[in-house]
Amino acid sequence: MTTANVVFSGPGEKVKPLMQEAVIASGETIKPGHLVLLDSSGEWKNHDSAGQGGDYCIADMNVIEQKSATETLTIGDTAPAFVPTPGETYNIVLADGETIAVGDPLTSNGDGTVKEAVTSGGDEVLFYAREAVTTSGATGRIRARVATANYSATA
């Protein structure tokens, strides 16, 4: 499991990844590395469609207040999120109860975290694991590469 202190992990020569900013919606618990969406009022909420992609971003940490990559973002604050680009690597939040091997496809868990994509269920593949991680009793962080294109895991 990654212990990285950043969300964006590469490629190293990319000095300014594409980002978007919005306010954290009321009632949301968003951590750096969560998948997020803009709600109808233009505020960040956790990605809430398990097995699906859509127009998601990846929440970054609050660097203005020098918060760590594991500290929850504050409701009402403006927060940046990365617009994922195929081939880029991120340290994202893995759901509890997952056993992931290097190269496993990952999809949304429906709560901002990611899980292994189910090949028989047609989950959209959003990422590929770059490390082996097992979570038990809590979420974890995993280094993962953005898939070239979202596609059904049965394709």
Protein backbone atom coordinates (compact mmCIF):
# COMPACT_ATOMS: atom_id res chain seq x y z
CA MET A 1 0.00 0.00 0.00
CA THR A 2 1.30 3.38 -0.96
CA THR A 3 2.34 5.79 1.76
CA ALA A 4 2.84 8.60 -0.73
CA ASN A 5 2.27 12.12 0.50
CA VAL A 6 0.76 13.33 -2.79
CA VAL A 7 -2.20 12.42 -4.98
CA PHE A 8 -0.69 13.02 -8.45
CA SER A 9 2.09 10.51 -9.03
CA GLY A 10 3.24 11.00 -12.59
CA PRO A 11 4.53 11.03 -15.17
CA GLY A 12 7.35 13.00 -13.63
CA GLU A 13 7.86 15.28 -16.62
CA LYS A 14 4.29 16.58 -16.37
CA VAL A 15 4.68 19.66 -14.19
CA LYS A 16 1.12 20.99 -14.45
CA PRO A 17 -1.64 18.37 -14.62
CA LEU A 18 -5.08 19.55 -15.72
CA MET A 19 -7.18 20.60 -12.69
CA GLN A 20 -10.60 21.98 -11.85
CA GLU A 21 -11.78 23.75 -8.69
CA ALA A 22 -15.14 23.74 -6.91
CA VAL A 23 -16.57 24.00 -3.41
CA ILE A 24 -16.99 20.85 -1.28
CA ALA A 25 -20.74 20.18 -1.00
CA SER A 26 -22.45 20.14 2.39
CA GLY A 27 -22.80 16.66 3.87
CA GLU A 28 -19.87 15.19 1.93
CA THR A 29 -16.79 13.52 3.43
CA ILE A 30 -14.16 13.82 0.73
CA LYS A 31 -10.53 12.82 1.14
CA PRO A 32 -7.65 13.44 -1.24
CA GLY A 33 -7.63 10.62 -3.78
CA HIS A 34 -11.42 10.18 -3.79
CA LEU A 35 -13.26 10.17 -7.11
CA VAL A 36 -15.52 13.23 -7.21
CA LEU A 37 -18.26 14.67 -9.42
CA LEU A 38 -19.85 18.08 -9.69
CA ASP A 39 -23.41 18.07 -8.33
CA SER A 40 -26.28 20.09 -9.86
CA SER A 41 -25.14 23.22 -7.96
CA GLY A 42 -21.54 22.92 -9.21
CA GLU A 43 -20.09 21.59 -5.92
CA TRP A 44 -17.90 18.51 -5.37
CA LYS A 45 -19.57 15.33 -4.16
CA ASN A 46 -18.19 11.80 -3.97
CA HIS A 47 -18.60 9.75 -7.15
CA ASP A 48 -21.79 7.82 -6.40
CA SER A 49 -22.23 5.35 -9.28
CA ALA A 50 -20.57 2.02 -8.48
CA GLY A 51 -19.01 0.36 -11.51
CA GLN A 52 -19.42 3.49 -13.63
CA GLY A 53 -17.18 6.28 -14.85
CA GLY A 54 -18.67 9.45 -16.23
CA ASP A 55 -17.24 12.93 -15.86
CA TYR A 56 -15.29 12.26 -12.66
CA CYS A 57 -12.21 13.97 -11.24
CA ILE A 58 -9.74 13.00 -8.48
CA ALA A 59 -9.72 15.17 -5.35
CA ASP A 60 -6.37 16.72 -4.46
CA MET A 61 -5.19 17.63 -0.98
CA ASN A 62 -5.44 21.11 0.53
CA VAL A 63 -1.95 22.41 -0.20
CA ILE A 64 -2.87 26.03 0.63
CA GLU A 65 -3.35 25.11 4.30
CA GLN A 66 -0.50 22.56 4.16
CA LYS A 67 -2.82 19.63 4.92
CA SER A 68 -1.62 16.08 4.32
CA ALA A 69 -2.81 13.68 1.63
CA THR A 70 -4.89 11.80 4.22
CA GLU A 71 -6.77 14.73 5.81
CA THR A 72 -10.46 15.18 4.97
CA LEU A 73 -11.25 18.24 2.86
CA THR A 74 -13.39 20.90 4.58
CA ILE A 75 -17.03 21.37 3.56
CA GLY A 76 -17.58 24.80 2.01
CA ASP A 77 -13.93 25.28 1.04
CA THR A 78 -12.86 25.52 -2.57
CA ALA A 79 -10.90 22.39 -3.42
CA PRO A 80 -8.90 21.40 -6.50
CA ALA A 81 -9.35 18.10 -8.29
CA PHE A 82 -7.36 16.50 -11.09
CA VAL A 83 -9.00 15.89 -14.45
CA PRO A 84 -7.73 12.35 -15.15
CA THR A 85 -5.77 11.89 -18.35
CA PRO A 86 -5.02 8.42 -19.76
CA GLY A 87 -1.59 7.22 -18.71
CA GLU A 88 -1.30 9.47 -15.65
CA THR A 89 -0.79 7.84 -12.26
CA TYR A 90 -2.54 8.79 -9.03
CA ASN A 91 -2.55 7.65 -5.40
CA ILE A 92 -6.26 7.00 -4.94
CA VAL A 93 -8.38 5.59 -2.11
CA LEU A 94 -9.12 1.85 -2.25
CA ALA A 95 -12.31 0.55 -0.62
CA ASP A 96 -12.19 -1.67 2.46
CA GLY A 97 -12.19 -5.43 1.88
CA GLU A 98 -10.27 -5.44 -1.42
CA THR A 99 -7.36 -7.64 -2.51
CA ILE A 100 -5.73 -6.11 -5.56
CA ALA A 101 -2.79 -7.44 -7.62
CA VAL A 102 -0.56 -5.39 -9.91
CA GLY A 103 -2.41 -4.80 -13.19
CA ASP A 104 -5.91 -5.45 -11.83
CA PRO A 105 -8.61 -3.21 -13.34
CA LEU A 106 -10.29 -0.78 -10.93
CA THR A 107 -13.67 0.96 -11.02
CA SER A 108 -15.74 3.23 -8.79
CA ASN A 109 -17.08 1.76 -5.55
CA GLY A 110 -19.89 4.35 -5.52
CA ASP A 111 -18.61 6.23 -2.45
CA GLY A 112 -15.54 8.05 -3.77
CA THR A 113 -13.28 5.01 -3.35
CA VAL A 114 -12.31 2.42 -5.98
CA LYS A 115 -12.67 -1.36 -6.07
CA GLU A 116 -11.68 -4.18 -8.40
CA ALA A 117 -13.71 -4.11 -11.61
CA VAL A 118 -16.00 -7.14 -11.96
CA THR A 119 -15.45 -8.78 -15.33
CA SER A 120 -18.81 -10.58 -15.29
CA GLY A 121 -20.70 -7.44 -14.25
CA GLY A 122 -19.61 -5.10 -17.00
CA ASP A 123 -17.99 -2.52 -14.70
CA GLU A 124 -16.26 0.38 -16.43
CA VAL A 125 -12.49 0.16 -16.01
CA LEU A 126 -11.18 3.52 -14.82
CA PHE A 127 -7.69 2.56 -13.57
CA TYR A 128 -5.11 -0.22 -13.49
CA ALA A 129 -3.34 -1.02 -10.22
CA ARG A 130 0.38 -0.27 -10.16
CA GLU A 131 0.89 -2.09 -6.86
CA ALA A 132 -0.59 -4.97 -4.89
CA VAL A 133 -2.76 -3.88 -1.94
CA THR A 134 -5.07 -5.66 0.48
CA THR A 135 -7.45 -3.67 2.68
CA SER A 136 -9.10 -5.14 5.74
CA GLY A 137 -10.99 -3.09 8.31
CA ALA A 138 -10.27 0.25 6.66
CA THR A 139 -9.73 1.91 3.31
CA GLY A 140 -6.21 2.18 1.93
CA ARG A 141 -4.35 4.08 -0.74
CA ILE A 142 -3.24 2.51 -4.00
CA ARG A 143 -1.10 3.78 -6.85
CA ALA A 144 -3.06 3.38 -10.09
CA ARG A 145 -2.77 4.44 -13.74
CA VAL A 146 -5.74 6.00 -15.54
CA ALA A 147 -7.08 3.60 -18.18
CA THR A 148 -6.72 4.62 -21.82
CA ALA A 149 -10.52 4.77 -22.15
CA ASN A 150 -13.37 3.77 -19.87
CA TYR A 151 -14.67 0.45 -21.14
CA SER A 152 -16.77 -2.43 -19.92
CA ALA A 153 -14.67 -5.07 -18.14
CA THR A 154 -16.45 -7.73 -20.24
CA ALA A 155 -15.20 -6.21 -23.52
